[in-house]
Amino acid sequence: MRISFTDEIEDGQVVYSIGRIKAATAWHASGAQPESGDWKDIALRALIRKAEDFEADAIIGVDYEVDGVQSDLAPVPLQRVAATGIAVKLKRS
């Protein structure tokens, strides 16, 4: 899977856009660190799995956002990291 944080793929030509996709980590305590990697890596891996489900060749325009929530049900503030991008098909050489 090719990933680009811009709207272009180096040495690749987008044939068509499948659509915007989004994947997020599980909610976790704000400031907590995951056991492996970091939250952005986890969100990006989930985004790649989603793109593969759509048989995409690449994801362009990848971006991250952090959602937070404070609830009476949770003793600490919670957050999650989401990765978004556009799943695309590339021209075959």
Protein backbone atom coordinates (compact mmCIF):
# COMPACT_ATOMS: atom_id res chain seq x y z
CA MET A 1 0.00 0.00 0.00
CA ARG A 2 1.41 3.36 -1.01
CA ILE A 3 0.82 6.26 1.37
CA SER A 4 1.05 9.98 0.66
CA PHE A 5 0.51 12.89 2.99
CA THR A 6 -0.09 15.08 -0.08
CA ASP A 7 -2.68 14.74 -2.85
CA GLU A 8 -0.18 13.05 -5.16
CA ILE A 9 1.68 9.74 -5.37
CA GLU A 10 5.31 9.88 -6.42
CA ASP A 11 5.76 8.04 -9.75
CA GLY A 12 2.09 7.05 -9.71
CA GLN A 13 -0.97 8.20 -11.58
CA VAL A 14 -4.34 8.13 -9.88
CA VAL A 15 -6.90 6.48 -12.12
CA TYR A 16 -9.87 7.14 -9.87
CA SER A 17 -10.76 7.96 -6.31
CA ILE A 18 -12.60 5.29 -4.34
CA GLY A 19 -13.50 7.77 -1.61
CA ARG A 20 -12.58 9.29 1.72
CA ILE A 21 -11.90 6.77 4.47
CA LYS A 22 -11.33 7.13 8.20
CA ALA A 23 -10.04 4.82 10.91
CA ALA A 24 -9.44 5.50 14.58
CA THR A 25 -7.74 3.97 17.57
CA ALA A 26 -9.73 2.77 20.55
CA TRP A 27 -10.53 5.36 23.20
CA HIS A 28 -7.73 5.55 25.75
CA ALA A 29 -6.67 7.69 28.70
CA SER A 30 -5.33 11.01 27.53
CA GLY A 31 -1.53 10.91 27.67
CA ALA A 32 -1.33 7.10 27.81
CA GLN A 33 1.16 5.38 25.52
CA PRO A 34 0.31 2.18 23.61
CA GLU A 35 2.31 -0.99 24.25
CA SER A 36 3.65 -1.03 20.69
CA GLY A 37 4.31 1.88 18.35
CA ASP A 38 2.43 5.11 18.81
CA TRP A 39 -1.18 6.13 18.35
CA LYS A 40 -0.59 7.59 14.86
CA ASP A 41 1.00 4.34 13.67
CA ILE A 42 -1.91 2.33 15.05
CA ALA A 43 -4.45 4.62 13.33
CA LEU A 44 -2.51 4.48 10.04
CA ARG A 45 -2.38 0.66 10.12
CA ALA A 46 -6.17 0.60 10.65
CA LEU A 47 -6.59 3.03 7.74
CA ILE A 48 -4.49 0.78 5.50
CA ARG A 49 -6.62 -2.26 6.42
CA LYS A 50 -9.75 -0.30 5.52
CA ALA A 51 -8.25 0.77 2.17
CA GLU A 52 -7.32 -2.85 1.44
CA ASP A 53 -10.96 -3.83 2.05
CA PHE A 54 -11.85 -1.49 -0.84
CA GLU A 55 -9.00 -2.93 -2.98
CA ALA A 56 -7.25 0.45 -3.09
CA ASP A 57 -3.68 0.71 -4.35
CA ALA A 58 -2.83 3.82 -2.34
CA ILE A 59 -4.07 6.39 0.14
CA ILE A 60 -3.48 10.07 -0.57
CA GLY A 61 -3.98 13.16 1.57
CA VAL A 62 -3.40 11.28 4.82
CA ASP A 63 -4.04 13.43 7.88
CA TYR A 64 -4.53 12.87 11.60
CA GLU A 65 -6.92 14.29 14.16
CA VAL A 66 -7.28 13.78 17.89
CA ASP A 67 -10.74 13.54 19.42
CA GLY A 68 -11.17 14.01 23.14
CA VAL A 69 -13.97 13.58 25.61
CA GLN A 70 -14.48 14.16 29.32
CA SER A 71 -17.23 12.09 30.87
CA ASP A 72 -18.64 11.48 34.32
CA LEU A 73 -18.42 7.77 33.46
CA ALA A 74 -14.64 7.83 32.99
CA PRO A 75 -12.30 8.91 35.80
CA VAL A 76 -9.83 10.51 33.33
CA PRO A 77 -10.19 12.39 30.04
CA LEU A 78 -10.29 10.06 27.04
CA GLN A 79 -8.95 10.54 23.55
CA ARG A 80 -8.49 8.68 20.30
CA VAL A 81 -6.41 9.33 17.21
CA ALA A 82 -8.06 9.13 13.81
CA ALA A 83 -6.38 8.89 10.42
CA THR A 84 -8.20 10.04 7.30
CA GLY A 85 -7.33 9.90 3.62
CA ILE A 86 -8.61 9.22 0.13
CA ALA A 87 -8.39 5.63 -1.10
CA VAL A 88 -7.42 5.49 -4.79
CA LYS A 89 -6.70 3.09 -7.63
CA LEU A 90 -3.47 3.67 -9.54
CA LYS A 91 -2.67 3.23 -13.21
CA ARG A 92 -1.01 -0.11 -13.92
CA SER A 93 2.24 0.02 -15.86
